[in-house]
């Protein structure tokens, strides 16, 4: 089973620090992320993403999060799960 978006996002928060070497808090992350990204993110929506309440963010946000953390967007989302299955030939 593939890791969920929430699990992957939490892994990134657990393994990254801010510019001062401190653990990356949600508020410090948002201040930095919103300042350098074309996508914007609220504390409430970030919490929903990290807790698995929301699991289908806009592509622009996935790309912006991936760029911020220096990972490919595919790290955050499993594209195989969103591809439709081919129709059966009759």
Protein backbone atom coordinates (compact mmCIF):
# COMPACT_ATOMS: atom_id res chain seq x y z
CA UNK A 1 0.00 0.00 0.00
CA UNK A 2 1.27 3.46 -0.94
CA UNK A 3 1.83 6.15 1.69
CA UNK A 4 -0.93 8.74 1.87
CA UNK A 5 -0.49 12.42 1.12
CA UNK A 6 -0.76 13.11 4.86
CA UNK A 7 1.96 10.57 5.68
CA UNK A 8 4.29 11.96 3.03
CA UNK A 9 3.68 15.56 4.06
CA UNK A 10 4.28 14.72 7.72
CA UNK A 11 7.49 12.92 6.76
CA UNK A 12 8.71 16.11 5.08
CA UNK A 13 7.87 18.18 8.15
CA UNK A 14 9.65 15.66 10.38
CA UNK A 15 12.84 15.72 8.33
CA UNK A 16 13.17 19.43 7.52
CA UNK A 17 14.24 22.36 9.67
CA UNK A 18 13.93 26.08 9.21
CA UNK A 19 16.85 28.39 8.29
CA UNK A 20 17.91 28.46 11.96
CA UNK A 21 18.00 24.66 12.26
CA UNK A 22 14.82 24.53 14.36
CA UNK A 23 12.09 21.94 13.70
CA UNK A 24 9.72 23.20 11.04
CA UNK A 25 6.56 24.39 12.78
CA UNK A 26 3.38 24.86 10.80
CA UNK A 27 3.37 28.62 11.37
CA UNK A 28 7.02 29.09 10.34
CA UNK A 29 6.45 26.89 7.33
CA UNK A 30 3.38 28.87 6.23
CA UNK A 31 5.16 32.20 6.59
CA UNK A 32 8.05 30.98 4.43
CA UNK A 33 5.92 28.98 1.97
CA UNK A 34 3.38 31.74 1.33
CA UNK A 35 6.17 34.32 0.86
CA UNK A 36 8.01 32.31 -1.80
CA UNK A 37 5.24 30.39 -3.54
CA UNK A 38 2.62 31.37 -6.09
CA UNK A 39 0.20 29.07 -4.23
CA UNK A 40 -1.18 30.12 -0.87
CA UNK A 41 -2.02 27.87 2.02
CA UNK A 42 -3.89 28.52 5.28
CA UNK A 43 -3.10 26.99 8.64
CA UNK A 44 -6.49 25.25 8.64
CA UNK A 45 -6.02 23.67 5.21
CA UNK A 46 -2.47 22.61 6.04
CA UNK A 47 -3.83 20.89 9.14
CA UNK A 48 -6.49 19.13 7.06
CA UNK A 49 -3.83 17.92 4.60
CA UNK A 50 -1.50 16.71 7.36
CA UNK A 51 -4.33 14.89 9.17
CA UNK A 52 -5.79 13.23 6.07
CA UNK A 53 -9.06 15.16 6.24
CA UNK A 54 -8.38 16.70 2.83
CA UNK A 55 -6.49 14.49 0.42
CA UNK A 56 -7.03 15.99 -3.02
CA UNK A 57 -5.24 19.35 -3.22
CA UNK A 58 -4.96 21.37 -6.43
CA UNK A 59 -2.09 20.39 -8.71
CA UNK A 60 -0.62 23.89 -8.30
CA UNK A 61 -0.40 23.35 -4.54
CA UNK A 62 1.16 19.88 -4.89
CA UNK A 63 3.81 21.32 -7.22
CA UNK A 64 4.46 24.27 -4.90
CA UNK A 65 4.81 21.99 -1.85
CA UNK A 66 7.15 19.68 -3.75
CA UNK A 67 9.27 22.62 -4.90
CA UNK A 68 9.44 24.02 -1.37
CA UNK A 69 10.66 20.72 0.08
CA UNK A 70 12.87 19.85 -2.90
CA UNK A 71 11.09 16.65 -3.87
CA UNK A 72 9.29 15.67 -7.07
CA UNK A 73 5.50 16.15 -7.02
CA UNK A 74 5.15 12.38 -7.42
CA UNK A 75 6.58 12.00 -3.91
CA UNK A 76 3.39 13.56 -2.54
CA UNK A 77 0.83 11.86 -4.77
CA UNK A 78 0.68 8.39 -6.22
CA UNK A 79 -0.38 9.01 -9.80
CA UNK A 80 -1.34 5.35 -10.29
CA UNK A 81 -4.19 5.81 -7.83
CA UNK A 82 -5.82 8.63 -9.83
CA UNK A 83 -5.58 7.14 -13.33
CA UNK A 84 -8.85 5.77 -14.64
CA UNK A 85 -8.87 2.10 -15.53
CA UNK A 86 -9.12 1.40 -19.26
CA UNK A 87 -12.56 0.50 -20.55
CA UNK A 88 -13.08 -3.15 -21.38
CA UNK A 89 -13.46 -3.95 -25.07
CA UNK A 90 -16.77 -5.47 -26.03
